[in-house]
């Protein structure tokens, strides 16, 4: 049985990942570790609440004792880090929280991954780290060109992951998704915002 710690698992993308893993694999136990900020909602996980292979642990990835507690209690061997401050506009108003969660929080998780010798640490990142892509598409070895506190904080977390791979041989992988949409998405994002505004006959912001 694989014991996977899914940080930020009560959020939009994380909760969809939890549903998929529990549905597709019989040999995984999922531990959702979430601070339950405005974007984290346990209702997103209601369909799996009674699944014996699902567990919830409330905590902040910046809190070392909380992370250690979850790692020890559930004998975690894999970490998938969805936990992040994620909205560009919000990062312009309060960049400090983004740096704390996306950089320092990633560091705390990497330290835990090293301490408990996990089999894999997977970092969920964003294509925002590449900046504007006016022609074609981003590729993995493009240079980083951050344009907001959000993208800079995510790039900082990514670089920390690469440093732990090089310095300590930590088994790290990173994915950089683009324009995710789907169930449980918080309505500040553009697609759900346009849909809910249209349903309520409110002007669409351009």
C-alpha atoms as a PDB file:
ATOM      1  CA  UNK A   1       0.000   0.000   0.000  1.00  0.00           C
ATOM      2  CA  UNK A   2       1.372   3.404  -1.034  1.00  0.00           C
ATOM      3  CA  UNK A   3       0.814   6.184   1.500  1.00  0.00           C
ATOM      4  CA  UNK A   4       0.535   9.473  -0.369  1.00  0.00           C
ATOM      5  CA  UNK A   5       0.451  12.866   1.348  1.00  0.00           C
ATOM      6  CA  UNK A   6      -1.515  15.251  -0.871  1.00  0.00           C
ATOM      7  CA  UNK A   7      -0.916  18.770   0.375  1.00  0.00           C
ATOM      8  CA  UNK A   8      -3.592  21.235  -0.686  1.00  0.00           C
ATOM      9  CA  UNK A   9      -5.830  18.258  -1.395  1.00  0.00           C
ATOM     10  CA  UNK A  10      -9.026  20.092  -0.449  1.00  0.00           C
ATOM     11  CA  UNK A  11      -8.479  22.663  -3.183  1.00  0.00           C
ATOM     12  CA  UNK A  12      -9.554  22.630  -6.808  1.00  0.00           C
ATOM     13  CA  UNK A  13      -6.851  20.593  -8.559  1.00  0.00           C
ATOM     14  CA  UNK A  14      -5.811  18.644  -5.471  1.00  0.00           C
ATOM     15  CA  UNK A  15      -9.307  17.320  -4.782  1.00  0.00           C
ATOM     16  CA  UNK A  16      -9.698  16.175  -8.382  1.00  0.00           C
ATOM     17  CA  UNK A  17      -6.383  14.345  -8.040  1.00  0.00           C
ATOM     18  CA  UNK A  18      -7.609  12.651  -4.847  1.00  0.00           C
ATOM     19  CA  UNK A  19     -10.804  11.458  -6.563  1.00  0.00           C
ATOM     20  CA  UNK A  20      -8.811  10.085  -9.496  1.00  0.00           C
ATOM     21  CA  UNK A  21      -6.246   8.239  -7.396  1.00  0.00           C
ATOM     22  CA  UNK A  22      -8.798   6.579  -5.127  1.00  0.00           C
ATOM     23  CA  UNK A  23     -10.949   5.578  -8.089  1.00  0.00           C
ATOM     24  CA  UNK A  24      -8.124   4.299 -10.292  1.00  0.00           C
ATOM     25  CA  UNK A  25      -5.840   2.558  -7.788  1.00  0.00           C
ATOM     26  CA  UNK A  26      -6.717   0.072  -5.063  1.00  0.00           C
ATOM     27  CA  UNK A  27      -3.253   0.047  -3.514  1.00  0.00           C
ATOM     28  CA  UNK A  28      -2.993   3.694  -2.423  1.00  0.00           C
ATOM     29  CA  UNK A  29      -3.912   5.417   0.821  1.00  0.00           C
ATOM     30  CA  UNK A  30      -4.451   9.160   0.449  1.00  0.00           C
ATOM     31  CA  UNK A  31      -3.817  11.600   3.282  1.00  0.00           C
ATOM     32  CA  UNK A  32      -5.059  15.086   2.445  1.00  0.00           C
ATOM     33  CA  UNK A  33      -3.051  17.731   4.302  1.00  0.00           C
ATOM     34  CA  UNK A  34      -4.743  21.114   3.998  1.00  0.00           C
ATOM     35  CA  UNK A  35      -4.839  24.407   5.879  1.00  0.00           C
ATOM     36  CA  UNK A  36      -8.422  25.020   4.690  1.00  0.00           C
ATOM     37  CA  UNK A  37      -7.959  28.612   3.588  1.00  0.00           C
ATOM     38  CA  UNK A  38     -10.548  30.348   1.396  1.00  0.00           C
ATOM     39  CA  UNK A  39      -9.687  28.038  -1.540  1.00  0.00           C
ATOM     40  CA  UNK A  40      -9.713  24.772   0.422  1.00  0.00           C
ATOM     41  CA  UNK A  41     -13.106  23.204   0.997  1.00  0.00           C
ATOM     42  CA  UNK A  42     -13.840  19.818   2.537  1.00  0.00           C
ATOM     43  CA  UNK A  43     -17.060  19.698   0.503  1.00  0.00           C
ATOM     44  CA  UNK A  44     -14.810  19.019  -2.484  1.00  0.00           C
ATOM     45  CA  UNK A  45     -13.969  15.689  -0.835  1.00  0.00           C
ATOM     46  CA  UNK A  46     -17.443  14.640   0.267  1.00  0.00           C
ATOM     47  CA  UNK A  47     -17.642  11.814  -2.330  1.00  0.00           C
ATOM     48  CA  UNK A  48     -14.621  10.075  -0.729  1.00  0.00           C
ATOM     49  CA  UNK A  49     -15.328  10.823   2.931  1.00  0.00           C
ATOM     50  CA  UNK A  50     -16.379   7.239   3.681  1.00  0.00           C
ATOM     51  CA  UNK A  51     -13.525   5.654   1.747  1.00  0.00           C
ATOM     52  CA  UNK A  52     -11.310   3.797   4.265  1.00  0.00           C
ATOM     53  CA  UNK A  53      -8.242   4.719   2.177  1.00  0.00           C
ATOM     54  CA  UNK A  54      -8.874   8.451   2.593  1.00  0.00           C
ATOM     55  CA  UNK A  55      -7.758  10.479   5.619  1.00  0.00           C
ATOM     56  CA  UNK A  56      -7.722  14.200   6.375  1.00  0.00           C
ATOM     57  CA  UNK A  57      -5.093  16.069   8.394  1.00  0.00           C
ATOM     58  CA  UNK A  58      -5.568  19.808   8.895  1.00  0.00           C
ATOM     59  CA  UNK A  59      -2.322  21.716   8.857  1.00  0.00           C
ATOM     60  CA  UNK A  60      -0.121  24.348   7.256  1.00  0.00           C
ATOM     61  CA  UNK A  61       2.832  23.203   5.121  1.00  0.00           C
ATOM     62  CA  UNK A  62       4.896  25.945   6.817  1.00  0.00           C
ATOM     63  CA  UNK A  63       4.337  24.259  10.194  1.00  0.00           C
ATOM     64  CA  UNK A  64       7.198  21.784  10.694  1.00  0.00           C
ATOM     65  CA  UNK A  65       5.648  19.865  13.651  1.00  0.00           C
ATOM     66  CA  UNK A  66       2.357  19.463  11.764  1.00  0.00           C
ATOM     67  CA  UNK A  67       4.113  18.130   8.665  1.00  0.00           C
ATOM     68  CA  UNK A  68       6.231  15.773  10.784  1.00  0.00           C
ATOM     69  CA  UNK A  69       3.105  14.599  12.592  1.00  0.00           C
ATOM     70  CA  UNK A  70       1.359  13.641   9.366  1.00  0.00           C
ATOM     71  CA  UNK A  71       4.476  11.968   7.961  1.00  0.00           C
ATOM     72  CA  UNK A  72       4.880   9.826  11.066  1.00  0.00           C
ATOM     73  CA  UNK A  73       1.224   9.044  11.743  1.00  0.00           C
ATOM     74  CA  UNK A  74       0.570   7.728   8.238  1.00  0.00           C
ATOM     75  CA  UNK A  75       4.026   6.407   7.332  1.00  0.00           C
ATOM     76  CA  UNK A  76       4.107   8.598   4.229  1.00  0.00           C
ATOM     77  CA  UNK A  77       6.281   7.416   1.336  1.00  0.00           C
ATOM     78  CA  UNK A  78       5.165   9.897  -1.362  1.00  0.00           C
ATOM     79  CA  UNK A  79       4.406  13.637  -1.278  1.00  0.00           C
ATOM     80  CA  UNK A  80       2.404  15.454  -3.949  1.00  0.00           C
ATOM     81  CA  UNK A  81       2.434  19.190  -3.259  1.00  0.00           C
ATOM     82  CA  UNK A  82      -0.597  21.091  -4.533  1.00  0.00           C
ATOM     83  CA  UNK A  83      -0.555  23.513  -1.582  1.00  0.00           C
ATOM     84  CA  UNK A  84       0.080  27.058  -2.768  1.00  0.00           C
ATOM     85  CA  UNK A  85      -1.127  30.590  -2.931  1.00  0.00           C
ATOM     86  CA  UNK A  86      -2.148  30.735  -6.566  1.00  0.00           C
ATOM     87  CA  UNK A  87      -3.920  33.880  -7.806  1.00  0.00           C
ATOM     88  CA  UNK A  88      -1.889  36.485  -9.737  1.00  0.00           C
ATOM     89  CA  UNK A  89      -4.066  39.464  -8.768  1.00  0.00           C
ATOM     90  CA  UNK A  90      -4.087  38.448  -5.110  1.00  0.00           C
ATOM     91  CA  UNK A  91      -0.271  38.190  -5.166  1.00  0.00           C
ATOM     92  CA  UNK A  92      -0.024  41.840  -6.205  1.00  0.00           C
ATOM     93  CA  UNK A  93      -1.934  42.861  -3.091  1.00  0.00           C
ATOM     94  CA  UNK A  94      -0.230  40.542  -0.590  1.00  0.00           C
ATOM     95  CA  UNK A  95       3.017  39.056  -1.922  1.00  0.00           C
ATOM     96  CA  UNK A  96       4.335  38.020   1.495  1.00  0.00           C
ATOM     97  CA  UNK A  97       1.868  35.184   1.894  1.00  0.00           C
ATOM     98  CA  UNK A  98       2.865  33.783  -1.487  1.00  0.00           C
ATOM     99  CA  UNK A  99       6.550  33.762  -0.606  1.00  0.00           C
ATOM    100  CA  UNK A 100       5.810  32.138   2.758  1.00  0.00           C
ATOM    101  CA  UNK A 101       3.668  29.315   1.388  1.00  0.00           C
ATOM    102  CA  UNK A 102       5.131  28.720  -2.072  1.00  0.00           C
ATOM    103  CA  UNK A 103       8.817  29.012  -1.156  1.00  0.00           C
ATOM    104  CA  UNK A 104       9.197  28.370   2.572  1.00  0.00           C
ATOM    105  CA  UNK A 105       6.374  25.819   2.641  1.00  0.00           C
ATOM    106  CA  UNK A 106       8.016  23.941  -0.214  1.00  0.00           C
ATOM    107  CA  UNK A 107      11.291  23.965   1.731  1.00  0.00           C
ATOM    108  CA  UNK A 108       9.535  22.456   4.782  1.00  0.00           C
ATOM    109  CA  UNK A 109       8.067  19.668   2.645  1.00  0.00           C
ATOM    110  CA  UNK A 110      11.397  18.971   0.964  1.00  0.00           C
ATOM    111  CA  UNK A 111      13.068  18.707   4.361  1.00  0.00           C
ATOM    112  CA  UNK A 112      10.383  16.222   5.424  1.00  0.00           C
ATOM    113  CA  UNK A 113      10.835  14.272   2.198  1.00  0.00           C
ATOM    114  CA  UNK A 114      14.563  14.064   2.892  1.00  0.00           C
ATOM    115  CA  UNK A 115      14.145  13.228   6.587  1.00  0.00           C
ATOM    116  CA  UNK A 116      11.693  10.395   5.958  1.00  0.00           C
ATOM    117  CA  UNK A 117      13.367   9.166   2.742  1.00  0.00           C
ATOM    118  CA  UNK A 118      10.253   9.310   0.574  1.00  0.00           C
ATOM    119  CA  UNK A 119      10.146   7.418  -2.705  1.00  0.00           C
ATOM    120  CA  UNK A 120       8.935  10.486  -4.629  1.00  0.00           C
ATOM    121  CA  UNK A 121       8.322  14.176  -4.066  1.00  0.00           C
ATOM    122  CA  UNK A 122       6.188  15.729  -6.793  1.00  0.00           C
ATOM    123  CA  UNK A 123       5.834  19.502  -7.088  1.00  0.00           C
ATOM    124  CA  UNK A 124       2.762  20.954  -8.779  1.00  0.00           C
ATOM    125  CA  UNK A 125       3.894  24.156 -10.457  1.00  0.00           C
ATOM    126  CA  UNK A 126       2.594  26.437 -13.201  1.00  0.00           C
ATOM    127  CA  UNK A 127       3.447  27.591 -16.714  1.00  0.00           C
ATOM    128  CA  UNK A 128       3.364  31.124 -15.269  1.00  0.00           C
ATOM    129  CA  UNK A 129       7.044  30.659 -14.379  1.00  0.00           C
ATOM    130  CA  UNK A 130       7.872  31.050 -18.098  1.00  0.00           C
ATOM    131  CA  UNK A 131       6.244  34.481 -18.360  1.00  0.00           C
ATOM    132  CA  UNK A 132       4.524  35.527 -21.575  1.00  0.00           C
ATOM    133  CA  UNK A 133       4.563  33.033 -24.430  1.00  0.00           C
ATOM    134  CA  UNK A 134       3.520  35.146 -27.410  1.00  0.00           C
ATOM    135  CA  UNK A 135       4.237  32.494 -30.055  1.00  0.00           C
ATOM    136  CA  UNK A 136       4.232  28.713 -29.936  1.00  0.00           C
ATOM    137  CA  UNK A 137       4.287  27.090 -26.526  1.00  0.00           C
ATOM    138  CA  UNK A 138       6.502  26.653 -23.490  1.00  0.00           C
ATOM    139  CA  UNK A 139       8.938  23.757 -23.322  1.00  0.00           C
ATOM    140  CA  UNK A 140      10.604  22.293 -20.269  1.00  0.00           C
ATOM    141  CA  UNK A 141      14.010  23.892 -20.749  1.00  0.00           C
ATOM    142  CA  UNK A 142      12.758  27.435 -21.460  1.00  0.00           C
ATOM    143  CA  UNK A 143      14.275  30.038 -19.183  1.00  0.00           C
ATOM    144  CA  UNK A 144      12.204  31.221 -16.248  1.00  0.00           C
ATOM    145  CA  UNK A 145      10.837  34.732 -16.674  1.00  0.00           C
ATOM    146  CA  UNK A 146       8.513  35.548 -13.812  1.00  0.00           C
ATOM    147  CA  UNK A 147       6.182  38.534 -14.031  1.00  0.00           C
ATOM    148  CA  UNK A 148       4.301  38.582 -10.712  1.00  0.00           C
ATOM    149  CA  UNK A 149       4.910  37.714  -7.046  1.00  0.00           C
ATOM    150  CA  UNK A 150       2.843  34.575  -7.669  1.00  0.00           C
ATOM    151  CA  UNK A 151       4.962  33.282 -10.551  1.00  0.00           C
ATOM    152  CA  UNK A 152       8.168  34.307  -8.780  1.00  0.00           C
ATOM    153  CA  UNK A 153       7.156  32.404  -5.647  1.00  0.00           C
ATOM    154  CA  UNK A 154       6.308  29.300  -7.666  1.00  0.00           C
ATOM    155  CA  UNK A 155       9.609  29.529  -9.541  1.00  0.00           C
ATOM    156  CA  UNK A 156      11.390  29.840  -6.183  1.00  0.00           C
ATOM    157  CA  UNK A 157       9.737  26.633  -4.978  1.00  0.00           C
ATOM    158  CA  UNK A 158      10.660  24.867  -8.216  1.00  0.00           C
ATOM    159  CA  UNK A 159      14.291  25.922  -7.921  1.00  0.00           C
ATOM    160  CA  UNK A 160      14.373  24.681  -4.336  1.00  0.00           C
ATOM    161  CA  UNK A 161      13.109  21.305  -5.586  1.00  0.00           C
ATOM    162  CA  UNK A 162      15.860  21.158  -8.208  1.00  0.00           C
ATOM    163  CA  UNK A 163      18.435  22.128  -5.579  1.00  0.00           C
ATOM    164  CA  UNK A 164      17.339  19.248  -3.331  1.00  0.00           C
ATOM    165  CA  UNK A 165      17.533  16.875  -6.294  1.00  0.00           C
ATOM    166  CA  UNK A 166      21.078  17.988  -7.094  1.00  0.00           C
ATOM    167  CA  UNK A 167      22.369  18.481  -3.550  1.00  0.00           C
ATOM    168  CA  UNK A 168      20.755  15.528  -1.775  1.00  0.00           C
ATOM    169  CA  UNK A 169      19.645  13.168  -4.524  1.00  0.00           C
ATOM    170  CA  UNK A 170      16.004  13.628  -3.491  1.00  0.00           C
ATOM    171  CA  UNK A 171      13.664  11.935  -6.008  1.00  0.00           C
ATOM    172  CA  UNK A 172      11.891  15.069  -7.224  1.00  0.00           C
ATOM    173  CA  UNK A 173       9.632  15.685 -10.224  1.00  0.00           C
ATOM    174  CA  UNK A 174       7.849  18.880 -11.283  1.00  0.00           C
ATOM    175  CA  UNK A 175       4.858  19.486 -13.548  1.00  0.00           C
ATOM    176  CA  UNK A 176       3.845  22.916 -14.841  1.00  0.00           C
ATOM    177  CA  UNK A 177       0.187  22.893 -15.793  1.00  0.00           C
ATOM    178  CA  UNK A 178      -1.578  25.491 -17.905  1.00  0.00           C
ATOM    179  CA  UNK A 179      -5.117  26.880 -17.657  1.00  0.00           C
ATOM    180  CA  UNK A 180      -6.682  24.188 -15.515  1.00  0.00           C
ATOM    181  CA  UNK A 181     -10.470  24.239 -15.407  1.00  0.00           C
ATOM    182  CA  UNK A 182     -12.987  21.821 -13.937  1.00  0.00           C
ATOM    183  CA  UNK A 183     -15.108  20.847 -10.939  1.00  0.00           C
ATOM    184  CA  UNK A 184     -14.471  22.570  -7.584  1.00  0.00           C
ATOM    185  CA  UNK A 185     -12.599  25.529  -9.098  1.00  0.00           C
ATOM    186  CA  UNK A 186     -12.744  28.624  -6.903  1.00  0.00           C
ATOM    187  CA  UNK A 187     -14.892  31.325  -8.604  1.00  0.00           C
ATOM    188  CA  UNK A 188     -12.161  33.985  -8.649  1.00  0.00           C
ATOM    189  CA  UNK A 189     -10.657  32.187 -11.680  1.00  0.00           C
ATOM    190  CA  UNK A 190     -11.677  33.416 -15.110  1.00  0.00           C
ATOM    191  CA  UNK A 191     -13.859  30.561 -16.423  1.00  0.00           C
ATOM    192  CA  UNK A 192     -15.994  30.015 -13.293  1.00  0.00           C
ATOM    193  CA  UNK A 193     -16.161  33.804 -12.777  1.00  0.00           C
ATOM    194  CA  UNK A 194     -17.529  34.347 -16.281  1.00  0.00           C
ATOM    195  CA  UNK A 195     -19.996  31.475 -15.865  1.00  0.00           C
ATOM    196  CA  UNK A 196     -21.332  32.621 -12.497  1.00  0.00           C
ATOM    197  CA  UNK A 197     -21.498  36.261 -13.636  1.00  0.00           C
ATOM    198  CA  UNK A 198     -23.420  35.229 -16.753  1.00  0.00           C
ATOM    199  CA  UNK A 199     -25.816  33.125 -14.670  1.00  0.00           C
ATOM    200  CA  UNK A 200     -26.450  36.113 -12.393  1.00  0.00           C
ATOM    201  CA  UNK A 201     -26.720  38.556 -15.326  1.00  0.00           C
ATOM    202  CA  UNK A 202     -23.621  40.475 -14.147  1.00  0.00           C
ATOM    203  CA  UNK A 203     -21.193  42.144 -16.574  1.00  0.00           C
ATOM    204  CA  UNK A 204     -18.177  40.064 -17.575  1.00  0.00           C
ATOM    205  CA  UNK A 205     -14.879  41.781 -16.609  1.00  0.00           C
ATOM    206  CA  UNK A 206     -12.479  42.318 -19.513  1.00  0.00           C
END
